[in-house]
Protein backbone atom coordinates (compact mmCIF):
# COMPACT_ATOMS: atom_id res chain seq x y z
CA MET A 1 13.28 33.26 126.21
CA ASP A 2 15.97 32.55 128.44
CA ILE A 3 15.85 30.47 131.18
CA THR A 4 18.25 29.44 133.67
CA LEU A 5 17.68 28.33 137.80
CA LYS A 6 19.09 31.65 139.80
CA ASN A 7 18.30 29.63 142.95
CA GLU A 8 17.22 26.90 145.14
CA ASP A 9 16.33 27.44 148.42
CA GLY A 10 13.42 24.92 149.97
CA CYS A 11 10.46 24.42 148.06
CA GLN A 12 11.14 28.15 146.07
CA ARG A 13 12.51 28.30 143.30
CA THR A 14 13.78 30.71 141.46
CA TYR A 15 14.29 31.53 138.22
CA ALA A 16 15.66 34.11 135.66
CA VAL A 17 13.89 35.03 132.62
CA LYS A 18 15.30 37.03 129.85
CA ALA A 19 14.64 38.48 126.36
CA ALA A 20 16.02 40.64 124.09
CA TRP A 21 13.90 44.19 122.81
CA ASP A 22 14.28 41.80 119.44
CA GLU A 23 11.94 39.34 121.40
CA ILE A 24 9.99 41.85 123.17
CA ALA A 25 8.84 44.92 120.49
CA PRO A 26 6.57 42.83 118.29
CA ARG A 27 4.65 42.40 121.65
CA PHE A 28 4.20 46.15 121.79
CA ASP A 29 3.24 46.83 117.98
CA THR A 30 0.71 44.40 118.65
CA VAL A 31 -1.07 45.80 121.64
CA THR A 32 -0.13 49.36 120.30
CA ARG A 33 -1.86 48.11 116.83
CA THR A 34 -4.96 46.95 118.84
CA LEU A 35 -5.46 49.74 120.63
CA ALA A 36 -4.91 52.33 117.80
CA GLY A 37 -7.65 50.48 115.94
CA GLN A 38 -9.86 51.33 119.41
CA VAL A 39 -9.04 54.80 120.79
CA ARG A 40 -10.67 58.19 119.06
CA LEU A 41 -7.68 60.70 119.27
CA PRO A 42 -8.58 65.00 119.00
CA GLY A 43 -8.52 65.23 115.35
CA PHE A 44 -8.59 62.08 114.21
CA ARG A 45 -10.79 60.15 113.32
CA GLY A 46 -12.08 56.85 115.39
CA GLY A 47 -9.03 54.26 114.58
CA LYS A 48 -7.00 56.33 112.62
CA ALA A 49 -4.55 58.06 115.06
CA PRO A 50 -1.48 57.86 113.91
CA ILE A 51 1.00 55.28 116.26
CA PRO A 52 3.22 56.91 117.77
CA MET A 53 0.87 59.18 119.00
CA VAL A 54 -1.14 55.95 120.76
CA ARG A 55 2.14 54.68 122.17
CA SER A 56 3.47 57.97 123.09
CA GLN A 57 -0.19 58.69 125.65
CA PHE A 58 -1.24 54.89 125.98
CA LYS A 59 2.12 53.94 127.61
CA LYS A 60 1.60 52.60 130.60
CA ALA A 61 -1.58 50.99 129.13
CA ILE A 62 0.45 49.62 126.26
CA ARG A 63 2.59 48.25 129.32
CA GLU A 64 0.07 46.72 131.34
CA GLU A 65 -1.33 44.74 129.13
CA VAL A 66 2.32 43.75 126.78
CA LEU A 67 2.81 42.74 130.96
CA GLU A 68 0.67 40.65 131.33
CA HIS A 69 0.61 38.58 129.26
CA ILE A 70 4.70 38.68 128.46
CA LEU A 71 4.55 37.02 132.30
CA GLN A 72 1.61 35.15 131.42
CA ASP A 73 3.85 33.02 129.03
CA ALA A 74 7.23 33.30 131.20
CA ALA A 75 5.40 31.53 133.89
CA LYS A 76 4.94 28.68 131.89
CA GLU A 77 7.89 28.85 129.70
CA THR A 78 9.95 28.18 132.96
CA LEU A 79 7.75 25.50 134.01
CA ASP A 80 7.50 23.20 131.03
CA LYS A 81 11.20 24.18 130.29
CA PHE A 82 12.12 22.45 134.03
CA ASP A 83 8.82 20.40 134.62
CA VAL A 84 8.49 22.15 137.47
CA LYS A 85 4.68 21.50 139.07
CA PRO A 86 4.03 24.43 141.35
CA VAL A 87 2.03 24.04 144.44
CA VAL A 88 0.54 27.94 144.38
CA GLU A 89 0.44 30.01 141.64
CA PRO A 90 4.73 32.07 140.12
CA TYR A 91 5.00 35.11 141.43
CA ALA A 92 7.59 37.34 139.89
CA GLY A 93 10.13 40.09 140.89
CA ALA A 94 13.12 41.98 140.11
CA LEU A 95 10.72 43.28 137.11
CA GLU A 96 11.97 45.23 133.73
CA LEU A 97 10.30 46.04 131.09
CA GLU A 98 10.13 49.31 129.00
CA ASP A 99 9.70 50.43 125.96
CA GLY A 100 13.52 49.98 123.61
CA LYS A 101 14.71 48.14 126.66
CA ASP A 102 15.86 43.85 126.64
CA PHE A 103 13.55 42.70 129.27
CA ALA A 104 14.46 40.44 132.78
CA VAL A 105 12.08 39.14 135.45
CA GLU A 106 12.69 36.36 138.30
CA ILE A 107 10.00 33.85 138.31
CA THR A 108 9.41 32.18 141.79
CA VAL A 109 7.92 28.70 142.29
CA GLU A 110 6.60 26.67 145.05
CA VAL A 111 6.93 22.84 144.27
CA ALA A 112 5.98 19.61 147.23
CA PRO A 113 7.85 19.16 149.29
CA VAL A 114 9.58 15.20 147.91
CA LEU A 115 9.89 13.19 150.85
CA PRO A 116 11.59 9.58 151.70
CA GLU A 117 9.23 6.80 152.50
CA ILE A 118 7.53 7.45 155.52
CA SER A 119 7.85 5.21 158.71
CA ALA A 120 7.00 6.03 161.85
CA GLN A 121 8.84 2.47 163.47
CA GLY A 122 10.92 4.42 166.45
CA VAL A 123 8.33 7.60 167.11
CA THR A 124 7.08 7.71 170.95
CA VAL A 125 3.70 8.90 171.58
CA GLU A 126 2.75 9.76 174.53
CA CYS A 127 -0.11 10.81 175.40
CA SER A 128 -2.79 11.85 178.32
CA LYS A 129 -5.62 8.57 179.17
CA LEU A 130 -8.64 11.25 178.80
CA GLY A 131 -12.05 9.64 180.67
CA VAL A 132 -14.54 10.99 181.58
CA THR A 133 -15.78 11.26 185.89
CA GLU A 134 -18.88 11.25 187.56
CA GLU A 135 -18.65 14.90 188.30
CA GLN A 136 -17.53 15.42 184.32
CA LEU A 137 -20.98 13.89 184.06
CA LEU A 138 -23.24 15.99 186.54
CA LYS A 139 -22.09 18.87 185.45
CA THR A 140 -22.94 18.21 181.94
CA LEU A 141 -25.91 16.83 182.98
CA GLU A 142 -26.27 20.29 184.92
CA GLY A 143 -25.99 22.05 181.63
CA ILE A 144 -28.36 20.59 179.57
CA ARG A 145 -30.64 21.02 182.25
CA ASP A 146 -29.67 24.71 182.77
CA ARG A 147 -30.62 25.21 179.24
CA ALA A 148 -33.63 23.75 179.43
CA ALA A 149 -34.37 26.80 181.66
CA VAL A 150 -38.35 28.75 180.26
CA MET A 151 -39.08 31.99 181.11
CA ARG A 152 -42.32 31.71 182.62
CA PRO A 153 -45.00 35.06 182.58
CA LEU A 154 -45.63 36.20 186.19
CA GLU A 155 -48.72 38.10 187.19
CA GLY A 156 -47.54 38.71 190.68
CA PRO A 157 -44.54 41.16 191.44
CA GLY A 158 -40.62 39.87 190.15
CA GLU A 159 -38.66 39.13 192.09
CA GLU A 160 -34.82 39.86 192.99
CA GLY A 161 -33.57 37.68 189.36
CA ASP A 162 -36.80 37.91 187.81
CA PHE A 163 -36.62 40.23 184.72
CA ALA A 164 -39.57 42.44 183.13
CA VAL A 165 -40.35 44.41 180.08
CA VAL A 166 -41.21 48.12 180.57
CA ASP A 167 -42.08 50.69 178.83
CA LEU A 168 -39.34 54.61 179.42
CA HIS A 169 -40.82 57.95 178.43
CA ARG A 170 -38.30 60.47 179.08
CA ASN A 171 -40.96 64.01 179.92
CA GLY A 172 -40.20 66.57 177.12
CA ALA A 173 -39.30 62.62 174.81
CA SER A 174 -41.59 62.15 172.32
CA LYS A 175 -42.06 58.59 172.44
CA GLY A 176 -41.25 56.54 174.61
CA PHE A 177 -39.17 53.26 173.97
CA GLU A 178 -39.60 49.48 175.69
CA ARG A 179 -36.46 47.79 177.10
CA PHE A 180 -36.00 44.42 178.57
CA PHE A 181 -34.03 44.79 182.17
CA GLY A 182 -33.41 42.82 185.36
CA VAL A 183 -35.25 42.42 188.54
CA LEU A 184 -32.40 43.53 190.62
CA PRO A 185 -31.64 45.70 192.81
CA LYS A 186 -28.04 46.00 193.96
CA SER A 187 -27.42 47.17 190.33
CA GLU A 188 -26.41 50.20 189.64
CA ASN A 189 -29.54 50.68 187.18
CA PRO A 190 -32.03 52.86 188.46
CA VAL A 191 -34.74 51.28 186.34
CA GLU A 192 -32.87 47.68 188.08
CA GLN A 193 -32.92 49.01 191.53
CA ALA A 194 -37.25 50.11 190.83
CA LEU A 195 -37.75 47.15 189.61
CA LEU A 196 -38.21 45.44 192.88
CA GLY A 197 -41.99 44.06 193.67
CA LYS A 198 -43.21 45.22 190.79
CA LYS A 199 -46.47 43.73 188.30
CA PRO A 200 -47.29 43.75 185.03
CA GLY A 201 -49.89 47.35 184.86
CA ASP A 202 -47.77 48.84 187.61
CA VAL A 203 -47.04 52.17 186.54
CA PHE A 204 -44.40 54.20 188.43
CA GLU A 205 -42.39 57.58 188.40
CA LEU A 206 -37.96 57.40 188.25
CA SER A 207 -36.18 60.47 188.56
CA VAL A 208 -32.71 59.78 186.75
CA ALA A 209 -29.57 62.44 188.17
CA GLU A 210 -27.57 60.96 185.36
CA ASP A 211 -26.65 59.11 182.27
CA HIS A 212 -26.38 55.04 182.67
CA GLY A 213 -24.81 53.35 179.55
CA HIS A 214 -22.87 54.34 177.15
CA GLU A 215 -23.61 57.63 174.99
CA GLY A 216 -25.33 58.62 171.98
CA GLY A 217 -28.93 58.71 173.18
CA GLU A 218 -31.73 56.18 174.57
CA ASP A 219 -32.56 54.17 170.87
CA HIS A 220 -28.47 52.67 171.83
CA GLY A 221 -29.04 49.82 173.34
CA HIS A 222 -30.89 49.04 176.65
CA ALA A 223 -28.74 49.77 179.41
CA HIS A 224 -28.45 53.52 178.53
CA LEU A 225 -30.77 55.96 180.04
CA ALA A 226 -30.65 60.14 180.04
CA ALA A 227 -30.81 61.77 183.22
CA GLY A 228 -34.54 63.25 183.24
CA ASP A 229 -38.26 62.42 184.74
CA TYR A 230 -39.04 59.81 182.81
CA THR A 231 -42.65 56.92 183.38
CA VAL A 232 -42.16 53.40 183.37
CA THR A 233 -45.57 51.45 183.04
CA VAL A 234 -44.08 47.45 183.27
CA ASN A 235 -46.16 45.53 180.27
CA LYS A 236 -44.10 42.12 181.56
CA VAL A 237 -42.67 39.97 185.00
CA VAL A 238 -40.33 37.15 183.26
CA ARG A 239 -39.69 34.31 185.93
CA ARG A 240 -36.48 31.83 184.22
CA GLU A 241 -36.73 28.46 185.93
CA VAL A 242 -34.61 25.77 185.63
CA PRO A 243 -36.37 22.24 185.24
CA GLU A 244 -35.54 19.74 187.64
CA LEU A 245 -33.44 16.81 186.09
CA GLY A 246 -35.24 13.38 186.21
CA GLU A 247 -37.83 11.52 183.74
CA ASP A 248 -39.90 14.35 181.83
CA LEU A 249 -36.64 16.06 181.62
CA ALA A 250 -35.31 13.35 179.93
CA LYS A 251 -38.16 12.85 177.74
CA GLU A 252 -38.84 16.27 176.45
CA LEU A 253 -34.87 15.91 175.76
CA GLY A 254 -35.67 12.78 173.31
CA ALA A 255 -34.91 10.21 175.87
CA GLU A 256 -36.41 7.21 177.58
CA SER A 257 -35.61 7.56 180.42
CA LEU A 258 -33.74 9.78 182.67
CA GLU A 259 -30.74 6.22 182.85
CA ASP A 260 -30.68 6.08 178.60
CA LEU A 261 -30.30 10.07 179.45
CA LYS A 262 -27.16 9.86 181.44
CA ALA A 263 -26.00 6.64 178.89
CA LYS A 264 -26.63 9.08 175.80
CA VAL A 265 -25.15 11.80 177.99
CA ARG A 266 -21.62 9.68 179.04
CA GLY A 267 -21.43 7.86 175.47
CA ASP A 268 -21.49 11.66 173.58
CA LEU A 269 -18.32 12.92 176.31
CA GLU A 270 -16.71 9.22 176.20
CA ALA A 271 -16.94 10.19 172.13
CA ARG A 272 -15.44 13.42 172.50
CA ALA A 273 -12.40 11.65 174.74
CA ARG A 274 -11.46 9.46 172.11
CA HIS A 275 -11.48 12.32 169.52
CA GLU A 276 -9.27 14.24 172.15
CA MET A 277 -7.28 11.68 172.28
CA ARG A 278 -6.93 11.00 168.47
CA SER A 279 -6.25 15.12 168.87
CA ILE A 280 -3.19 14.75 170.44
CA GLN A 281 -2.16 11.57 169.44
CA GLU A 282 -1.78 12.75 166.24
CA ASP A 283 -0.29 16.24 167.17
CA LYS A 284 2.28 14.10 168.57
CA LEU A 285 2.75 11.57 166.14
CA ILE A 286 3.71 14.52 163.73
CA GLU A 287 6.31 15.98 165.60
CA GLY A 288 7.88 13.08 165.87
CA LEU A 289 7.98 12.58 162.48
CA ALA A 290 8.52 16.00 161.56
CA ALA A 291 11.96 15.52 163.86
CA LYS A 292 12.63 11.90 162.13
CA TYR A 293 12.74 13.47 158.13
CA PRO A 294 13.12 17.20 158.55
CA PHE A 295 12.08 18.74 155.48
CA PRO A 296 10.81 22.49 153.98
CA VAL A 297 7.13 23.24 153.89
CA PRO A 298 5.67 25.67 150.55
CA PRO A 299 6.09 29.71 152.96
CA THR A 300 2.93 30.60 150.76
CA GLN A 301 0.88 27.63 152.20
CA VAL A 302 2.17 28.50 155.43
CA ASP A 303 0.81 31.73 155.30
CA ARG A 304 -2.30 31.02 153.47
CA GLN A 305 -2.61 28.83 156.52
CA ILE A 306 -2.37 32.03 158.68
CA GLN A 307 -4.93 33.41 156.90
CA SER A 308 -7.69 31.06 157.09
CA ASP A 309 -6.55 30.32 161.30
CA LEU A 310 -7.12 33.64 161.96
CA GLU A 311 -10.57 33.81 159.97
CA ASP A 312 -11.23 31.38 162.10
CA PHE A 313 -10.12 32.69 164.94
CA ALA A 314 -12.15 35.96 164.02
CA GLU A 315 -15.26 34.30 162.85
CA SER A 316 -15.11 32.53 166.81
CA LEU A 317 -14.95 35.87 168.38
CA SER A 318 -17.92 37.99 166.33
CA ARG A 319 -20.03 34.82 167.32
CA GLN A 320 -18.97 35.62 171.04
CA GLY A 321 -20.91 39.16 170.14
CA LEU A 322 -17.17 41.09 169.65
CA ASP A 323 -17.39 43.81 167.39
CA MET A 324 -14.25 42.85 165.28
CA LYS A 325 -14.45 46.60 163.67
CA HIS A 326 -13.59 47.92 166.79
CA ALA A 327 -11.75 45.14 168.19
CA LYS A 328 -8.57 46.25 169.19
CA LEU A 329 -6.00 43.12 167.69
CA ASP A 330 -2.11 43.30 166.86
CA TRP A 331 -3.18 40.62 163.34
CA ASP A 332 0.31 41.05 162.58
CA LYS A 333 1.93 40.19 166.04
CA MET A 334 -0.53 37.23 166.00
CA ALA A 335 0.38 36.05 162.72
CA GLU A 336 3.64 35.62 163.46
CA SER A 337 2.80 33.94 166.59
CA ARG A 338 0.85 30.89 164.82
CA ARG A 339 3.15 30.80 161.78
CA PRO A 340 5.22 27.32 164.02
CA ILE A 341 0.93 26.01 164.15
CA ALA A 342 0.75 27.26 160.60
CA ALA A 343 4.13 25.29 158.89
CA LYS A 344 3.42 22.32 161.75
CA LYS A 345 -0.59 21.41 159.77
CA VAL A 346 1.40 22.35 155.97
CA ALA A 347 4.39 19.52 157.68
CA ALA A 348 1.22 17.19 158.54
CA TYR A 349 -0.94 17.30 155.47
CA TYR A 350 3.01 16.44 152.71
CA LEU A 351 3.47 13.96 155.73
CA LEU A 352 0.30 12.38 155.52
CA ASP A 353 0.11 12.51 151.44
CA ALA A 354 2.66 11.32 151.42
CA VAL A 355 2.63 8.01 152.94
CA ALA A 356 -1.43 7.70 151.71
CA GLU A 357 0.37 7.75 148.09
CA GLN A 358 3.57 5.63 149.34
CA LYS A 359 0.15 3.11 150.46
CA ASN A 360 -2.50 3.24 147.99
CA LEU A 361 -4.57 4.43 150.84
CA ALA A 362 -6.92 5.77 149.00
CA ALA A 363 -10.61 6.73 150.00
CA THR A 364 -12.85 4.31 149.20
CA ASP A 365 -16.62 4.32 147.47
CA ALA A 366 -17.97 3.31 150.75
CA GLU A 367 -15.51 5.64 152.71
CA VAL A 368 -17.35 8.52 150.92
CA ASP A 369 -20.35 7.48 151.75
CA ASP A 370 -19.80 7.02 154.73
CA TYR A 371 -18.56 10.61 155.71
CA PHE A 372 -21.62 11.69 153.82
CA ALA A 373 -23.44 9.88 156.14
CA HIS A 374 -21.17 11.27 160.04
CA GLN A 375 -21.55 14.76 158.35
CA ALA A 376 -25.20 13.84 157.98
CA GLN A 377 -26.01 13.40 161.93
CA GLY A 378 -27.72 16.64 163.29
CA SER A 379 -27.82 17.79 159.46
CA ARG A 380 -31.14 19.06 157.71
CA LEU A 381 -29.44 17.54 154.60
CA SER A 382 -29.54 14.04 153.46
CA PRO A 383 -26.14 12.29 152.76
CA ASP A 384 -26.77 12.34 149.53
CA ALA A 385 -27.71 15.79 149.14
CA LEU A 386 -24.19 16.48 151.54
CA LYS A 387 -22.84 14.39 148.84
CA ALA A 388 -24.04 15.86 145.33
CA GLN A 389 -23.64 19.32 147.35
CA ALA A 390 -19.67 18.94 147.83
CA ALA A 391 -19.75 17.62 143.68
CA LYS A 392 -20.66 20.72 142.56
CA ASP A 393 -18.11 22.64 144.46
CA ASP A 394 -15.95 20.54 143.65
CA ARG A 395 -15.19 19.50 146.66
CA LEU A 396 -14.77 15.48 146.72
CA GLY A 397 -10.87 15.41 146.36
CA ILE A 398 -10.86 16.86 149.57
CA VAL A 399 -13.12 14.21 151.25
CA LYS A 400 -10.89 12.24 149.58
CA ALA A 401 -7.75 13.36 150.69
CA ILE A 402 -8.84 13.59 154.50
CA ILE A 403 -9.80 9.69 154.19
CA ALA A 404 -6.84 8.66 153.06
CA HIS A 405 -5.29 10.86 154.88
CA ARG A 406 -7.71 9.87 158.44
CA LYS A 407 -6.25 6.36 157.36
CA ALA A 408 -2.01 7.26 156.88
CA ALA A 409 -2.22 8.28 160.91
CA ASP A 410 -4.09 4.87 160.74
CA LEU A 411 -1.12 3.40 159.73
CA LEU A 412 1.70 5.27 161.66
CA LEU A 413 -0.06 5.10 164.66
CA SER A 414 0.17 1.48 164.39
CA GLN A 415 3.79 1.99 163.39
CA ALA A 416 4.76 4.57 166.85
CA SER A 417 4.96 3.24 170.03
CA VAL A 418 1.92 4.81 171.92
CA THR A 419 1.76 5.19 176.06
CA PHE A 420 -0.89 6.28 178.00
CA THR A 421 -0.05 8.28 181.44
CA GLU A 422 -3.37 9.14 183.72
CA GLY A 423 -5.40 12.19 182.89
CA LYS A 424 -8.01 14.35 183.17
CA ALA A 425 -12.00 14.73 182.19
CA PRO A 426 -12.59 15.64 178.22
CA THR A 427 -12.30 19.55 178.12
CA GLN A 428 -14.96 20.22 176.21
CA GLU A 429 -18.92 18.96 177.36
CA ALA A 430 -21.54 17.65 175.56
CA PRO A 431 -24.05 19.49 174.53
């Protein structure tokens, strides 16, 4: 094959690959003969069909098989000839492959950017100094207290804000159904209006003048009620009780005392503040280095980063209860809006990777063990089990790269001019 460099644009190299028909013809002949020995055509015994007939009737299949192999060979010869190390699989364009004609294709290869010796000298990193205020601490403790609430069954009548489990049976329906409602006299739902003062075992009649909730029948959701007359049986009334923020709650949560709980929560918030400040510093650092050492990044890796970001976003929405099948989101618009962010993430990878290689900042065995020990906190698996799973999934290299990049960021931040401004409490609360 005749291979020449056609174009070089950033991290992309496009090569023109050509081959005369005389070089390609044996490939068609080999595939055709192999296929002829396998197929059965009317009037011929299996494997005895004439070669010209097989080539005519299976023209498309023969071309596709030849194409698959010839593209693999074209990509391999291109990489070998020009000693190119791609960061993604090479891809083809401007393809010409027809029986009896010369072959031509363009092979595009994306390579890693070549970076000079990287230094953060002269780079200014400005970061808000995040602290933990008393207000933030109390708000977090209130959140912990709220999440520790329990539902206590009541024997007496329900009050506003309580909850009830009821059986609903609409006159004329073959069977009833059980639903969970709030005791809310100001609600638009007629059942919730009627539950004030009702206790377990109470039975009452209820007329619903029009449908309430989404369409489709009673079984499609607890808030739906079709119009009609109902017999309502109160099975259970419960009250959500929030415990006092005191010694008992602290001990239930594993602390030795209320002061110990406050200290642990403050420690968690301070750790989050440090983590958030570190993220801000690294973000500003990458911006400064990208400006100091401008370089292109492989476009396919940017596309893949965008895809990964959108998948994470969709998963987050799903966890919040959004039905992604019916979500009206413009994914193409969102993808384009995230392109600069994705490009920055890819650039950060290459910058930190270059520094790690230039300064020999490899991960040690002890650092890898520490990584998995940290990952195991709050996990049901031991550090050794997590490490074994990572080895099985061939992810140890990724872990070592994460550690090396962290060390590279430490070095660069030590070189940069880091200044702090007065900030606020961390944006996330401790769990």
